[in-house]
Amino acid sequence: MRSEYIIPADAPYPSFNVQCQRFTQAKQTNPDLASVNAQALQQVLKRVVGLDWLGILSLHLGRTSTSTA
């Protein structure tokens, strides 16, 4: 990894559509992203957005998930 993008703490959580638009913009300046099919990037984004990050973090930390529905 050469660099990372950190979203400011006060920024609203980006929706799937906003992130897809940002991928399109990033592909114009990043040759690594430009070489990947747009639909492949969108599929990865759908999988990442759909993950239960609280549950994954809890498993990683050895705790049980305490999310309520």
PDB file of N, CA and C in Angstrom:
ATOM      1  N   MET A   1       0.847  -1.161   0.000  1.00  0.00           N
ATOM      2  CA  MET A   1       0.000   0.000   0.000  1.00  0.00           C
ATOM      3  C   MET A   1       0.897   1.230   0.000  1.00  0.00           C
ATOM      4  N   ARG A   2       0.630   2.128  -0.917  1.00  0.00           N
ATOM      5  CA  ARG A   2       1.418   3.352  -1.025  1.00  0.00           C
ATOM      6  C   ARG A   2       0.811   4.496  -0.246  1.00  0.00           C
ATOM      7  N   SER A   3      -0.492   4.512  -0.151  1.00  0.00           N
ATOM      8  CA  SER A   3      -1.152   5.593   0.569  1.00  0.00           C
ATOM      9  C   SER A   3      -2.533   5.130   1.002  1.00  0.00           C
ATOM     10  N   GLU A   4      -3.171   5.929   1.813  1.00  0.00           N
ATOM     11  CA  GLU A   4      -4.519   5.617   2.255  1.00  0.00           C
ATOM     12  C   GLU A   4      -5.329   6.901   2.305  1.00  0.00           C
ATOM     13  N   TYR A   5      -6.639   6.747   2.247  1.00  0.00           N
ATOM     14  CA  TYR A   5      -7.535   7.883   2.318  1.00  0.00           C
ATOM     15  C   TYR A   5      -8.314   7.771   3.610  1.00  0.00           C
ATOM     16  N   ILE A   6      -8.231   8.786   4.441  1.00  0.00           N
ATOM     17  CA  ILE A   6      -8.933   8.773   5.715  1.00  0.00           C
ATOM     18  C   ILE A   6     -10.074   9.772   5.640  1.00  0.00           C
ATOM     19  N   ILE A   7     -11.290   9.288   5.874  1.00  0.00           N
ATOM     20  CA  ILE A   7     -12.468  10.145   5.844  1.00  0.00           C
ATOM     21  C   ILE A   7     -12.512  10.949   7.142  1.00  0.00           C
ATOM     22  N   PRO A   8     -12.734  12.264   7.048  1.00  0.00           N
ATOM     23  CA  PRO A   8     -12.838  13.071   8.270  1.00  0.00           C
ATOM     24  C   PRO A   8     -13.958  12.560   9.181  1.00  0.00           C
ATOM     25  N   ALA A   9     -13.768  12.690  10.481  1.00  0.00           N
ATOM     26  CA  ALA A   9     -14.722  12.163  11.451  1.00  0.00           C
ATOM     27  C   ALA A   9     -16.101  12.801  11.323  1.00  0.00           C
ATOM     28  N   ASP A  10     -16.174  14.041  10.889  1.00  0.00           N
ATOM     29  CA  ASP A  10     -17.459  14.713  10.797  1.00  0.00           C
ATOM     30  C   ASP A  10     -18.131  14.563   9.422  1.00  0.00           C
ATOM     31  N   ALA A  11     -17.514  13.816   8.520  1.00  0.00           N
ATOM     32  CA  ALA A  11     -18.100  13.597   7.192  1.00  0.00           C
ATOM     33  C   ALA A  11     -19.233  12.577   7.292  1.00  0.00           C
ATOM     34  N   PRO A  12     -20.298  12.755   6.503  1.00  0.00           N
ATOM     35  CA  PRO A  12     -21.384  11.775   6.526  1.00  0.00           C
ATOM     36  C   PRO A  12     -20.903  10.444   5.946  1.00  0.00           C
ATOM     37  N   TYR A  13     -21.503   9.351   6.421  1.00  0.00           N
ATOM     38  CA  TYR A  13     -21.122   8.027   5.935  1.00  0.00           C
ATOM     39  C   TYR A  13     -21.444   7.934   4.448  1.00  0.00           C
ATOM     40  N   PRO A  14     -20.468   7.588   3.601  1.00  0.00           N
ATOM     41  CA  PRO A  14     -20.718   7.564   2.158  1.00  0.00           C
ATOM     42  C   PRO A  14     -21.597   6.376   1.755  1.00  0.00           C
ATOM     43  N   SER A  15     -22.594   6.648   0.934  1.00  0.00           N
ATOM     44  CA  SER A  15     -23.482   5.591   0.449  1.00  0.00           C
ATOM     45  C   SER A  15     -22.772   4.780  -0.638  1.00  0.00           C
ATOM     46  N   PHE A  16     -23.397   3.686  -1.030  1.00  0.00           N
ATOM     47  CA  PHE A  16     -22.848   2.847  -2.098  1.00  0.00           C
ATOM     48  C   PHE A  16     -22.677   3.673  -3.370  1.00  0.00           C
ATOM     49  N   ASN A  17     -23.687   4.484  -3.728  1.00  0.00           N
ATOM     50  CA  ASN A  17     -23.622   5.282  -4.953  1.00  0.00           C
ATOM     51  C   ASN A  17     -22.485   6.302  -4.908  1.00  0.00           C
ATOM     52  N   VAL A  18     -22.311   6.934  -3.767  1.00  0.00           N
ATOM     53  CA  VAL A  18     -21.231   7.917  -3.612  1.00  0.00           C
ATOM     54  C   VAL A  18     -19.874   7.224  -3.775  1.00  0.00           C
ATOM     55  N   GLN A  19     -19.733   6.043  -3.196  1.00  0.00           N
ATOM     56  CA  GLN A  19     -18.468   5.333  -3.297  1.00  0.00           C
ATOM     57  C   GLN A  19     -18.194   4.879  -4.731  1.00  0.00           C
ATOM     58  N   CYS A  20     -19.243   4.484  -5.458  1.00  0.00           N
ATOM     59  CA  CYS A  20     -19.070   4.125  -6.868  1.00  0.00           C
ATOM     60  C   CYS A  20     -18.609   5.327  -7.679  1.00  0.00           C
ATOM     61  N   GLN A  21     -19.176   6.502  -7.394  1.00  0.00           N
ATOM     62  CA  GLN A  21     -18.751   7.723  -8.087  1.00  0.00           C
ATOM     63  C   GLN A  21     -17.289   8.035  -7.778  1.00  0.00           C
ATOM     64  N   ARG A  22     -16.891   7.810  -6.544  1.00  0.00           N
ATOM     65  CA  ARG A  22     -15.493   8.069  -6.166  1.00  0.00           C
ATOM     66  C   ARG A  22     -14.545   7.085  -6.832  1.00  0.00           C
ATOM     67  N   PHE A  23     -14.993   5.845  -7.016  1.00  0.00           N
ATOM     68  CA  PHE A  23     -14.182   4.870  -7.760  1.00  0.00           C
ATOM     69  C   PHE A  23     -13.951   5.378  -9.177  1.00  0.00           C
ATOM     70  N   THR A  24     -15.013   5.896  -9.809  1.00  0.00           N
ATOM     71  CA  THR A  24     -14.897   6.401 -11.176  1.00  0.00           C
ATOM     72  C   THR A  24     -13.892   7.542 -11.240  1.00  0.00           C
ATOM     73  N   GLN A  25     -13.943   8.449 -10.281  1.00  0.00           N
ATOM     74  CA  GLN A  25     -12.990   9.562 -10.236  1.00  0.00           C
ATOM     75  C   GLN A  25     -11.577   9.062  -9.983  1.00  0.00           C
ATOM     76  N   ALA A  26     -11.442   8.112  -9.072  1.00  0.00           N
ATOM     77  CA  ALA A  26     -10.115   7.596  -8.725  1.00  0.00           C
ATOM     78  C   ALA A  26      -9.488   6.826  -9.886  1.00  0.00           C
ATOM     79  N   LYS A  27     -10.316   6.177 -10.699  1.00  0.00           N
ATOM     80  CA  LYS A  27      -9.784   5.422 -11.844  1.00  0.00           C
ATOM     81  C   LYS A  27      -9.101   6.332 -12.854  1.00  0.00           C
ATOM     82  N   GLN A  28      -9.475   7.608 -12.874  1.00  0.00           N
ATOM     83  CA  GLN A  28      -8.872   8.554 -13.817  1.00  0.00           C
ATOM     84  C   GLN A  28      -7.446   8.921 -13.432  1.00  0.00           C
ATOM     85  N   THR A  29      -7.116   8.812 -12.161  1.00  0.00           N
ATOM     86  CA  THR A  29      -5.785   9.212 -11.704  1.00  0.00           C
ATOM     87  C   THR A  29      -4.945   8.058 -11.173  1.00  0.00           C
ATOM     88  N   ASN A  30      -5.547   6.893 -10.974  1.00  0.00           N
ATOM     89  CA  ASN A  30      -4.826   5.757 -10.398  1.00  0.00           C
ATOM     90  C   ASN A  30      -4.749   4.630 -11.422  1.00  0.00           C
ATOM     91  N   PRO A  31      -3.569   4.359 -11.978  1.00  0.00           N
ATOM     92  CA  PRO A  31      -3.450   3.328 -13.007  1.00  0.00           C
ATOM     93  C   PRO A  31      -3.798   1.924 -12.509  1.00  0.00           C
ATOM     94  N   ASP A  32      -3.584   1.665 -11.221  1.00  0.00           N
ATOM     95  CA  ASP A  32      -3.935   0.345 -10.688  1.00  0.00           C
ATOM     96  C   ASP A  32      -5.449   0.138 -10.717  1.00  0.00           C
ATOM     97  N   LEU A  33      -6.203   1.144 -10.294  1.00  0.00           N
ATOM     98  CA  LEU A  33      -7.663   1.045 -10.343  1.00  0.00           C
ATOM     99  C   LEU A  33      -8.168   1.061 -11.779  1.00  0.00           C
ATOM    100  N   ALA A  34      -7.520   1.829 -12.641  1.00  0.00           N
ATOM    101  CA  ALA A  34      -7.953   1.933 -14.031  1.00  0.00           C
ATOM    102  C   ALA A  34      -7.858   0.590 -14.751  1.00  0.00           C
ATOM    103  N   SER A  35      -6.976  -0.281 -14.286  1.00  0.00           N
ATOM    104  CA  SER A  35      -6.806  -1.576 -14.955  1.00  0.00           C
ATOM    105  C   SER A  35      -7.865  -2.595 -14.537  1.00  0.00           C
ATOM    106  N   VAL A  36      -8.687  -2.266 -13.541  1.00  0.00           N
ATOM    107  CA  VAL A  36      -9.703  -3.190 -13.035  1.00  0.00           C
ATOM    108  C   VAL A  36     -11.064  -2.824 -13.626  1.00  0.00           C
ATOM    109  N   ASN A  37     -11.821  -3.845 -14.000  1.00  0.00           N
ATOM    110  CA  ASN A  37     -13.159  -3.654 -14.537  1.00  0.00           C
ATOM    111  C   ASN A  37     -14.052  -2.970 -13.506  1.00  0.00           C
ATOM    112  N   ALA A  38     -14.857  -1.994 -13.942  1.00  0.00           N
ATOM    113  CA  ALA A  38     -15.714  -1.223 -13.038  1.00  0.00           C
ATOM    114  C   ALA A  38     -16.711  -2.119 -12.301  1.00  0.00           C
ATOM    115  N   GLN A  39     -17.266  -3.119 -12.994  1.00  0.00           N
ATOM    116  CA  GLN A  39     -18.227  -4.006 -12.355  1.00  0.00           C
ATOM    117  C   GLN A  39     -17.569  -4.841 -11.265  1.00  0.00           C
ATOM    118  N   ALA A  40     -16.313  -5.214 -11.460  1.00  0.00           N
ATOM    119  CA  ALA A  40     -15.589  -5.976 -10.436  1.00  0.00           C
ATOM    120  C   ALA A  40     -15.403  -5.117  -9.179  1.00  0.00           C
ATOM    121  N   LEU A  41     -15.050  -3.844  -9.369  1.00  0.00           N
ATOM    122  CA  LEU A  41     -14.900  -2.947  -8.223  1.00  0.00           C
ATOM    123  C   LEU A  41     -16.222  -2.772  -7.485  1.00  0.00           C
ATOM    124  N   GLN A  42     -17.321  -2.661  -8.234  1.00  0.00           N
ATOM    125  CA  GLN A  42     -18.629  -2.496  -7.611  1.00  0.00           C
ATOM    126  C   GLN A  42     -19.037  -3.738  -6.832  1.00  0.00           C
ATOM    127  N   GLN A  43     -18.710  -4.928  -7.338  1.00  0.00           N
ATOM    128  CA  GLN A  43     -19.027  -6.162  -6.619  1.00  0.00           C
ATOM    129  C   GLN A  43     -18.262  -6.240  -5.302  1.00  0.00           C
ATOM    130  N   VAL A  44     -16.991  -5.868  -5.327  1.00  0.00           N
ATOM    131  CA  VAL A  44     -16.199  -5.859  -4.099  1.00  0.00           C
ATOM    132  C   VAL A  44     -16.787  -4.864  -3.113  1.00  0.00           C
ATOM    133  N   LEU A  45     -17.166  -3.699  -3.608  1.00  0.00           N
ATOM    134  CA  LEU A  45     -17.755  -2.672  -2.749  1.00  0.00           C
ATOM    135  C   LEU A  45     -19.054  -3.170  -2.120  1.00  0.00           C
ATOM    136  N   LYS A  46     -19.890  -3.849  -2.892  1.00  0.00           N
ATOM    137  CA  LYS A  46     -21.140  -4.393  -2.354  1.00  0.00           C
ATOM    138  C   LYS A  46     -20.864  -5.388  -1.234  1.00  0.00           C
ATOM    139  N   ARG A  47     -19.842  -6.215  -1.428  1.00  0.00           N
ATOM    140  CA  ARG A  47     -19.503  -7.207  -0.393  1.00  0.00           C
ATOM    141  C   ARG A  47     -18.984  -6.539   0.865  1.00  0.00           C
ATOM    142  N   VAL A  48     -18.137  -5.537   0.704  1.00  0.00           N
ATOM    143  CA  VAL A  48     -17.557  -4.848   1.860  1.00  0.00           C
ATOM    144  C   VAL A  48     -18.625  -4.065   2.613  1.00  0.00           C
ATOM    145  N   VAL A  49     -19.487  -3.353   1.887  1.00  0.00           N
ATOM    146  CA  VAL A  49     -20.541  -2.567   2.518  1.00  0.00           C
ATOM    147  C   VAL A  49     -21.522  -3.482   3.245  1.00  0.00           C
ATOM    148  N   GLY A  50     -21.760  -4.672   2.702  1.00  0.00           N
ATOM    149  CA  GLY A  50     -22.727  -5.588   3.285  1.00  0.00           C
ATOM    150  C   GLY A  50     -22.215  -6.380   4.472  1.00  0.00           C
ATOM    151  N   LEU A  51     -20.949  -6.264   4.800  1.00  0.00           N
ATOM    152  CA  LEU A  51     -20.396  -7.032   5.912  1.00  0.00           C
ATOM    153  C   LEU A  51     -20.845  -6.488   7.257  1.00  0.00           C
ATOM    154  N   ASP A  52     -20.920  -7.365   8.222  1.00  0.00           N
ATOM    155  CA  ASP A  52     -21.242  -6.987   9.603  1.00  0.00           C
ATOM    156  C   ASP A  52     -19.920  -6.666  10.300  1.00  0.00           C
ATOM    157  N   TRP A  53     -19.463  -5.413  10.153  1.00  0.00           N
ATOM    158  CA  TRP A  53     -18.158  -5.040  10.677  1.00  0.00           C
ATOM    159  C   TRP A  53     -18.080  -5.123  12.193  1.00  0.00           C
ATOM    160  N   LEU A  54     -19.162  -4.835  12.892  1.00  0.00           N
ATOM    161  CA  LEU A  54     -19.157  -4.954  14.346  1.00  0.00           C
ATOM    162  C   LEU A  54     -18.954  -6.414  14.752  1.00  0.00           C
ATOM    163  N   GLY A  55     -19.628  -7.320  14.060  1.00  0.00           N
ATOM    164  CA  GLY A  55     -19.466  -8.739  14.354  1.00  0.00           C
ATOM    165  C   GLY A  55     -18.062  -9.232  14.055  1.00  0.00           C
ATOM    166  N   ILE A  56     -17.501  -8.774  12.945  1.00  0.00           N
ATOM    167  CA  ILE A  56     -16.135  -9.175  12.578  1.00  0.00           C
ATOM    168  C   ILE A  56     -15.142  -8.656  13.603  1.00  0.00           C
ATOM    169  N   LEU A  57     -15.288  -7.412  13.998  1.00  0.00           N
ATOM    170  CA  LEU A  57     -14.396  -6.834  15.003  1.00  0.00           C
ATOM    171  C   LEU A  57     -14.520  -7.579  16.323  1.00  0.00           C
ATOM    172  N   SER A  58     -15.746  -7.921  16.710  1.00  0.00           N
ATOM    173  CA  SER A  58     -15.958  -8.648  17.955  1.00  0.00           C
ATOM    174  C   SER A  58     -15.277 -10.014  17.912  1.00  0.00           C
ATOM    175  N   LEU A  59     -15.397 -10.698  16.779  1.00  0.00           N
ATOM    176  CA  LEU A  59     -14.733 -11.998  16.647  1.00  0.00           C
ATOM    177  C   LEU A  59     -13.218 -11.838  16.719  1.00  0.00           C
ATOM    178  N   HIS A  60     -12.719 -10.805  16.075  1.00  0.00           N
ATOM    179  CA  HIS A  60     -11.288 -10.555  16.074  1.00  0.00           C
ATOM    180  C   HIS A  60     -10.777 -10.263  17.485  1.00  0.00           C
ATOM    181  N   LEU A  61     -11.574  -9.562  18.256  1.00  0.00           N
ATOM    182  CA  LEU A  61     -11.169  -9.205  19.615  1.00  0.00           C
ATOM    183  C   LEU A  61     -11.514 -10.293  20.632  1.00  0.00           C
ATOM    184  N   GLY A  62     -12.164 -11.366  20.152  1.00  0.00           N
ATOM    185  CA  GLY A  62     -12.504 -12.459  21.047  1.00  0.00           C
ATOM    186  C   GLY A  62     -13.733 -12.188  21.883  1.00  0.00           C
ATOM    187  N   ARG A  63     -14.590 -11.303  21.425  1.00  0.00           N
ATOM    188  CA  ARG A  63     -15.798 -10.962  22.178  1.00  0.00           C
ATOM    189  C   ARG A  63     -17.018 -11.468  21.408  1.00  0.00           C
ATOM    190  N   THR A  64     -18.129 -11.584  22.099  1.00  0.00           N
ATOM    191  CA  THR A  64     -19.362 -11.947  21.423  1.00  0.00           C
ATOM    192  C   THR A  64     -20.051 -10.685  20.951  1.00  0.00           C
ATOM    193  N   SER A  65     -20.743 -10.773  19.829  1.00  0.00           N
ATOM    194  CA  SER A  65     -21.437  -9.625  19.267  1.00  0.00           C
ATOM    195  C   SER A  65     -22.605  -9.236  20.153  1.00  0.00           C
ATOM    196  N   THR A  66     -22.752  -7.952  20.407  1.00  0.00           N
ATOM    197  CA  THR A  66     -23.843  -7.480  21.269  1.00  0.00           C
ATOM    198  C   THR A  66     -24.799  -6.598  20.488  1.00  0.00           C
ATOM    199  N   SER A  67     -24.842  -6.778  19.166  1.00  0.00           N
ATOM    200  CA  SER A  67     -25.740  -5.935  18.379  1.00  0.00           C
ATOM    201  C   SER A  67     -27.186  -6.340  18.612  1.00  0.00           C
ATOM    202  N   THR A  68     -28.055  -5.345  18.619  1.00  0.00           N
ATOM    203  CA  THR A  68     -29.475  -5.596  18.803  1.00  0.00           C
ATOM    204  C   THR A  68     -30.204  -5.194  17.547  1.00  0.00           C
ATOM    205  N   ALA A  69     -31.243  -5.935  17.219  1.00  0.00           N
ATOM    206  CA  ALA A  69     -31.990  -5.646  15.991  1.00  0.00           C
ATOM    207  C   ALA A  69     -33.271  -4.949  16.309  1.00  0.00           C
TER     208      ALA A  69
END
